[in-house]
Amino acid sequence: MTDPRVLRVQAAGVLSRFRTDVYACLSRRADALFELTEAALCADGPVKALVDLTLVPAHRRGHGAMYDGFNQGRIEIGRLRKMLAGLPLPRFANRQIVLAVDVSPWLRSDAACSPDRLFCHVYGRAKSASQLIPGWPYLFVAVLEPGRSSWTQLLDAVRLGPADDATALTAKQLRDVVQRLIDCGQHHASDPAILIVCGTGYDVTRLAFVLADLPVQLLGRIRADRVMLLPVPARLPGATGRPPRHGGVFALNDPASWPTPPATAKPKPPAGIGCTPG
């Protein structure tokens, strides 16, 4: 068993290299931008105003440096993305990488002059089930880790514009992320396919077709009230009339419409975990 002190030293080394690599991605006003990044991470709560970052102890510069960093600073986005793909990644069984893609909005309801705002579907802001609030939706790709944890390792973020096709932009983003993982040595030909999970708002069928040439598998959540059509049954001899285009209705919320499964499987519990009947 590895000594915890050794693990702490190794983790500190990874963090030190990460900070150095992030600083190297800042090609202009690097010191000001780096301190702003640390201030955002060390703030006690959500950052509601940029000027509040100058009051965080991690930010040792004045207001002028903060505005100068935002106005004149520059970040090499391509280099930053490649650096994130090269970090140690959590893996599941057989060293499989599991990615999650989702949309998270930056709500800008009162910013009428902010360009390219879209109506973002959000929950929990009123008594009703959902609302549409103007804002900037961002597509995020993160690496999931096994077990119960709210921590995720982000690999990429892209803003969705008014003229963008969400599925096409997601496919391009996933293709770029997977290619960077391969280029950084995170995935080899002998490794299990990268699993990509997504919610009900994604066209999983189209994504699977567009990404068919990559070593990935897609797993999408389907709405509980989704209705699908079964294959056309075999045509009986002597039948007349126009043949049907589809088979019977397969409604997920109607067990009576479910067909008999051609095969069933029961997963085995992991080693060391017992099953208690009842």
Protein backbone atom coordinates (compact mmCIF):
# COMPACT_ATOMS: atom_id res chain seq x y z
CA MET A 1 0.00 0.00 0.00
CA THR A 2 1.38 3.41 -0.97
CA ASP A 3 2.37 5.69 1.89
CA PRO A 4 -0.11 8.62 2.20
CA ARG A 5 2.81 11.00 2.55
CA VAL A 6 4.14 9.87 -0.81
CA LEU A 7 0.71 10.40 -2.38
CA ARG A 8 0.56 13.93 -0.97
CA VAL A 9 3.99 14.73 -2.39
CA GLN A 10 2.99 13.35 -5.79
CA ALA A 11 -0.26 15.33 -5.76
CA ALA A 12 1.64 18.50 -4.86
CA GLY A 13 3.98 17.87 -7.79
CA VAL A 14 1.06 17.48 -10.20
CA LEU A 15 -0.50 20.70 -8.87
CA SER A 16 2.80 22.58 -9.20
CA ARG A 17 3.22 21.47 -12.83
CA PHE A 18 -0.41 22.36 -13.54
CA ARG A 19 0.08 25.90 -12.23
CA THR A 20 3.24 26.29 -14.30
CA ASP A 21 1.51 25.04 -17.45
CA VAL A 22 -1.50 27.32 -16.90
CA TYR A 23 0.81 30.31 -16.52
CA ALA A 24 2.56 29.35 -19.76
CA CYS A 25 -0.81 29.53 -21.57
CA LEU A 26 -1.14 33.23 -20.66
CA SER A 27 0.72 34.98 -23.47
CA ARG A 28 -0.07 38.58 -22.47
CA ARG A 29 -0.62 40.16 -19.02
CA ALA A 30 0.19 36.75 -17.56
CA ASP A 31 0.72 37.90 -13.96
CA ALA A 32 -2.54 39.85 -13.83
CA LEU A 33 -4.59 37.03 -15.37
CA PHE A 34 -3.00 34.38 -13.16
CA GLU A 35 -3.80 36.30 -9.98
CA LEU A 36 -7.36 36.85 -11.18
CA THR A 37 -7.68 33.10 -11.71
CA GLU A 38 -6.45 32.38 -8.19
CA ALA A 39 -8.76 35.05 -6.78
CA ALA A 40 -11.77 33.44 -8.49
CA LEU A 41 -10.81 30.05 -7.00
CA CYS A 42 -10.16 31.45 -3.50
CA ALA A 43 -13.30 33.60 -3.26
CA ASP A 44 -15.69 32.69 -0.43
CA GLY A 45 -18.69 32.48 -2.75
CA PRO A 46 -19.85 33.13 -6.30
CA VAL A 47 -18.21 36.09 -8.04
CA LYS A 48 -20.96 38.62 -8.80
CA ALA A 49 -18.74 41.53 -9.86
CA LEU A 50 -15.25 41.59 -11.36
CA VAL A 51 -14.12 44.30 -8.98
CA ASP A 52 -14.82 41.97 -6.04
CA LEU A 53 -11.88 39.82 -7.16
CA THR A 54 -9.47 42.61 -6.22
CA LEU A 55 -10.59 42.27 -2.58
CA VAL A 56 -9.61 38.60 -2.36
CA PRO A 57 -6.24 38.16 -0.55
CA ALA A 58 -4.91 36.03 -3.42
CA HIS A 59 -5.15 39.09 -5.70
CA ARG A 60 -2.23 41.34 -4.79
CA ARG A 61 -2.77 43.97 -7.48
CA GLY A 62 -5.03 46.97 -7.79
CA HIS A 63 -8.19 47.69 -9.74
CA GLY A 64 -6.25 48.95 -12.75
CA ALA A 65 -4.36 45.68 -13.16
CA MET A 66 -7.64 43.77 -13.06
CA TYR A 67 -9.18 45.80 -15.90
CA ASP A 68 -5.91 45.76 -17.83
CA GLY A 69 -5.76 41.98 -17.57
CA PHE A 70 -9.27 41.55 -18.95
CA ASN A 71 -8.91 44.15 -21.70
CA GLN A 72 -5.35 43.48 -22.87
CA GLY A 73 -4.66 39.93 -21.65
CA ARG A 74 -4.50 36.94 -23.95
CA ILE A 75 -4.94 33.20 -23.33
CA GLU A 76 -3.70 30.55 -25.76
CA ILE A 77 -6.90 28.47 -25.78
CA GLY A 78 -5.50 25.66 -27.94
CA ARG A 79 -2.51 25.20 -25.67
CA LEU A 80 -4.75 25.24 -22.58
CA ARG A 81 -7.03 22.56 -24.03
CA LYS A 82 -4.09 20.32 -24.89
CA MET A 83 -2.66 20.78 -21.41
CA LEU A 84 -5.96 19.77 -19.79
CA ALA A 85 -6.11 16.62 -21.95
CA GLY A 86 -2.64 15.61 -20.76
CA LEU A 87 -3.46 15.70 -17.03
CA PRO A 88 -3.96 12.44 -15.06
CA LEU A 89 -7.54 11.32 -15.74
CA PRO A 90 -9.84 9.19 -13.56
CA ARG A 91 -10.74 5.87 -15.14
CA PHE A 92 -13.27 3.12 -14.66
CA ALA A 93 -12.75 -0.64 -14.99
CA ASN A 94 -10.19 -1.74 -17.58
CA ARG A 95 -8.85 1.85 -17.74
CA GLN A 96 -11.95 3.06 -19.57
CA ILE A 97 -12.42 6.82 -19.88
CA VAL A 98 -15.98 8.10 -19.37
CA LEU A 99 -16.87 11.55 -20.70
CA ALA A 100 -20.03 13.54 -20.01
CA VAL A 101 -21.35 16.33 -22.22
CA ASP A 102 -23.91 18.84 -21.03
CA VAL A 103 -25.07 22.44 -21.40
CA SER A 104 -24.68 24.97 -18.58
CA PRO A 105 -26.00 28.52 -19.10
CA TRP A 106 -24.45 31.77 -17.96
CA LEU A 107 -27.66 33.70 -17.34
CA ARG A 108 -27.64 37.34 -18.49
CA SER A 109 -31.27 38.35 -17.98
CA ASP A 110 -30.54 42.03 -17.28
CA ALA A 111 -27.71 42.49 -19.81
CA ALA A 112 -29.68 43.78 -22.78
CA CYS A 113 -26.50 44.88 -24.59
CA SER A 114 -24.77 41.50 -24.31
CA PRO A 115 -24.51 40.04 -27.84
CA ASP A 116 -25.69 36.62 -29.01
CA ARG A 117 -27.88 35.81 -26.03
CA LEU A 118 -30.22 32.83 -26.24
CA PHE A 119 -33.18 31.70 -24.16
CA CYS A 120 -31.79 29.15 -21.70
CA HIS A 121 -33.96 26.45 -20.17
CA VAL A 122 -33.43 26.58 -16.38
CA TYR A 123 -35.05 25.11 -13.28
CA GLY A 124 -35.36 26.16 -9.66
CA ARG A 125 -35.71 29.93 -10.14
CA ALA A 126 -39.46 30.11 -9.52
CA LYS A 127 -42.37 28.00 -8.33
CA SER A 128 -43.02 26.74 -11.85
CA ALA A 129 -41.19 23.70 -13.17
CA SER A 130 -38.94 25.61 -15.57
CA GLN A 131 -38.27 28.99 -17.13
CA LEU A 132 -36.62 30.45 -20.22
CA ILE A 133 -34.02 33.06 -19.18
CA PRO A 134 -31.78 35.01 -21.61
CA GLY A 135 -28.14 34.05 -21.33
CA TRP A 136 -25.15 32.34 -22.89
CA PRO A 137 -25.33 28.52 -23.03
CA TYR A 138 -21.99 26.71 -22.87
CA LEU A 139 -21.28 23.15 -23.97
CA PHE A 140 -19.06 21.41 -21.42
CA VAL A 141 -17.15 18.12 -21.74
CA ALA A 142 -15.98 16.60 -18.47
CA VAL A 143 -14.31 13.38 -17.33
CA LEU A 144 -16.33 11.37 -14.82
CA GLU A 145 -14.77 9.34 -12.04
CA PRO A 146 -16.05 6.10 -10.48
CA GLY A 147 -18.03 6.21 -7.26
CA ARG A 148 -20.28 8.87 -5.82
CA SER A 149 -18.67 12.24 -6.27
CA SER A 150 -19.69 15.70 -7.43
CA TRP A 151 -16.17 16.45 -8.70
CA THR A 152 -15.58 16.43 -12.42
CA GLN A 153 -12.52 17.25 -14.50
CA LEU A 154 -13.43 19.66 -17.29
CA LEU A 155 -11.71 19.23 -20.64
CA ASP A 156 -13.46 21.73 -22.90
CA ALA A 157 -16.09 24.48 -23.03
CA VAL A 158 -17.66 26.06 -26.12
CA ARG A 159 -20.32 28.77 -26.24
CA LEU A 160 -23.42 28.00 -28.30
CA GLY A 161 -24.39 30.86 -30.62
CA PRO A 162 -27.73 31.75 -32.23
CA ALA A 163 -26.69 30.36 -35.64
CA ASP A 164 -25.08 27.16 -34.31
CA ASP A 165 -26.48 23.66 -34.72
CA ALA A 166 -26.24 22.22 -31.21
CA THR A 167 -25.74 18.64 -32.38
CA ALA A 168 -23.15 19.57 -35.02
CA LEU A 169 -21.24 21.74 -32.55
CA THR A 170 -21.34 18.98 -29.93
CA ALA A 171 -20.05 16.44 -32.46
CA LYS A 172 -17.15 18.71 -33.43
CA GLN A 173 -16.35 19.40 -29.79
CA LEU A 174 -16.34 15.70 -28.88
CA ARG A 175 -14.22 14.85 -31.93
CA ASP A 176 -11.63 17.46 -30.93
CA VAL A 177 -11.58 16.27 -27.30
CA VAL A 178 -11.19 12.59 -28.23
CA GLN A 179 -8.44 13.42 -30.74
CA ARG A 180 -6.55 15.40 -28.09
CA LEU A 181 -6.83 12.49 -25.66
CA ILE A 182 -5.37 10.17 -28.29
CA ASP A 183 -2.58 12.61 -29.15
CA CYS A 184 -1.66 12.97 -25.46
CA GLY A 185 -1.41 9.19 -24.99
CA GLN A 186 -4.52 8.92 -22.80
CA HIS A 187 -6.13 6.35 -25.10
CA HIS A 188 -4.53 3.56 -27.14
CA ALA A 189 -5.88 1.09 -29.67
CA SER A 190 -5.90 -1.70 -27.06
CA ASP A 191 -7.93 0.33 -24.53
CA PRO A 192 -11.72 0.07 -24.19
CA ALA A 193 -13.72 2.54 -26.23
CA ILE A 194 -14.28 5.92 -24.61
CA LEU A 195 -17.82 6.07 -23.20
CA ILE A 196 -19.71 9.34 -23.76
CA VAL A 197 -22.88 9.92 -21.71
CA CYS A 198 -25.42 12.65 -22.44
CA GLY A 199 -28.90 13.72 -21.42
CA THR A 200 -32.28 13.65 -23.10
CA GLY A 201 -31.73 16.82 -25.10
CA TYR A 202 -29.09 15.28 -27.38
CA ASP A 203 -29.62 13.51 -30.68
CA VAL A 204 -27.68 10.38 -29.75
CA THR A 205 -28.45 8.65 -33.05
CA ARG A 206 -26.98 11.49 -35.10
CA LEU A 207 -23.97 11.81 -32.80
CA ALA A 208 -23.27 8.08 -33.10
CA PHE A 209 -23.39 8.33 -36.90
CA VAL A 210 -21.10 11.37 -37.09
CA LEU A 211 -18.58 9.93 -34.59
CA ALA A 212 -18.63 6.38 -36.00
CA ASP A 213 -14.95 6.59 -37.04
CA LEU A 214 -13.76 7.32 -33.48
CA PRO A 215 -13.13 4.77 -30.68
CA VAL A 216 -16.18 5.92 -28.71
CA GLN A 217 -19.47 4.56 -27.44
CA LEU A 218 -22.46 6.80 -26.73
CA LEU A 219 -24.98 6.33 -23.95
CA GLY A 220 -27.98 8.67 -23.93
CA ARG A 221 -30.87 9.07 -21.55
CA ILE A 222 -34.32 8.73 -23.09
CA ARG A 223 -37.44 10.52 -21.87
CA ALA A 224 -39.80 8.32 -19.89
CA ASP A 225 -42.71 9.21 -22.21
CA ARG A 226 -40.79 8.55 -25.44
CA VAL A 227 -42.72 6.62 -28.11
CA MET A 228 -40.90 4.54 -30.72
CA LEU A 229 -41.95 2.22 -33.51
CA LEU A 230 -41.02 -1.44 -33.77
CA PRO A 231 -39.67 -3.05 -36.97
CA VAL A 232 -42.13 -4.08 -39.66
CA PRO A 233 -43.32 -7.66 -39.02
CA ALA A 234 -42.88 -10.36 -41.64
CA ARG A 235 -45.48 -10.13 -44.39
CA LEU A 236 -47.86 -13.07 -44.38
CA PRO A 237 -48.32 -15.08 -47.60
CA GLY A 238 -51.33 -13.95 -49.59
CA ALA A 239 -51.60 -10.58 -47.82
CA THR A 240 -52.95 -7.77 -49.96
CA GLY A 241 -52.81 -4.02 -49.79
CA ARG A 242 -49.98 -1.64 -49.14
CA PRO A 243 -47.35 -3.05 -46.76
CA PRO A 244 -46.94 -1.15 -43.49
CA ARG A 245 -44.00 1.21 -43.12
CA HIS A 246 -43.59 0.60 -39.38
CA GLY A 247 -44.39 -2.00 -36.78
CA GLY A 248 -46.31 -1.60 -33.56
CA VAL A 249 -45.97 1.27 -31.11
CA PHE A 250 -43.34 0.92 -28.36
CA ALA A 251 -44.25 3.38 -25.57
CA LEU A 252 -41.79 3.47 -22.69
CA ASN A 253 -44.50 4.41 -20.17
CA ASP A 254 -46.84 1.61 -21.31
CA PRO A 255 -45.53 -1.85 -20.31
CA ALA A 256 -48.28 -3.50 -22.37
CA SER A 257 -46.62 -2.22 -25.56
CA TRP A 258 -43.20 -3.61 -24.71
CA PRO A 259 -42.07 -6.49 -26.94
CA THR A 260 -40.55 -9.66 -25.58
CA PRO A 261 -36.79 -9.06 -25.21
CA PRO A 262 -34.69 -11.36 -27.40
CA ALA A 263 -32.18 -11.80 -24.57
CA THR A 264 -31.76 -10.87 -20.91
CA ALA A 265 -28.62 -10.35 -18.83
CA LYS A 266 -27.97 -9.95 -15.13
CA PRO A 267 -24.76 -8.19 -14.08
CA LYS A 268 -22.54 -9.84 -11.53
CA PRO A 269 -21.69 -7.88 -8.36
CA PRO A 270 -18.08 -6.69 -8.05
CA ALA A 271 -15.66 -8.85 -6.12
CA GLY A 272 -16.01 -8.41 -2.38
CA ILE A 273 -19.61 -7.14 -2.54
CA GLY A 274 -22.39 -9.50 -1.55
CA CYS A 275 -26.06 -9.43 -2.46
CA THR A 276 -28.70 -9.55 0.24
CA PRO A 277 -32.11 -10.85 -0.85
CA GLY A 278 -35.20 -8.91 0.09
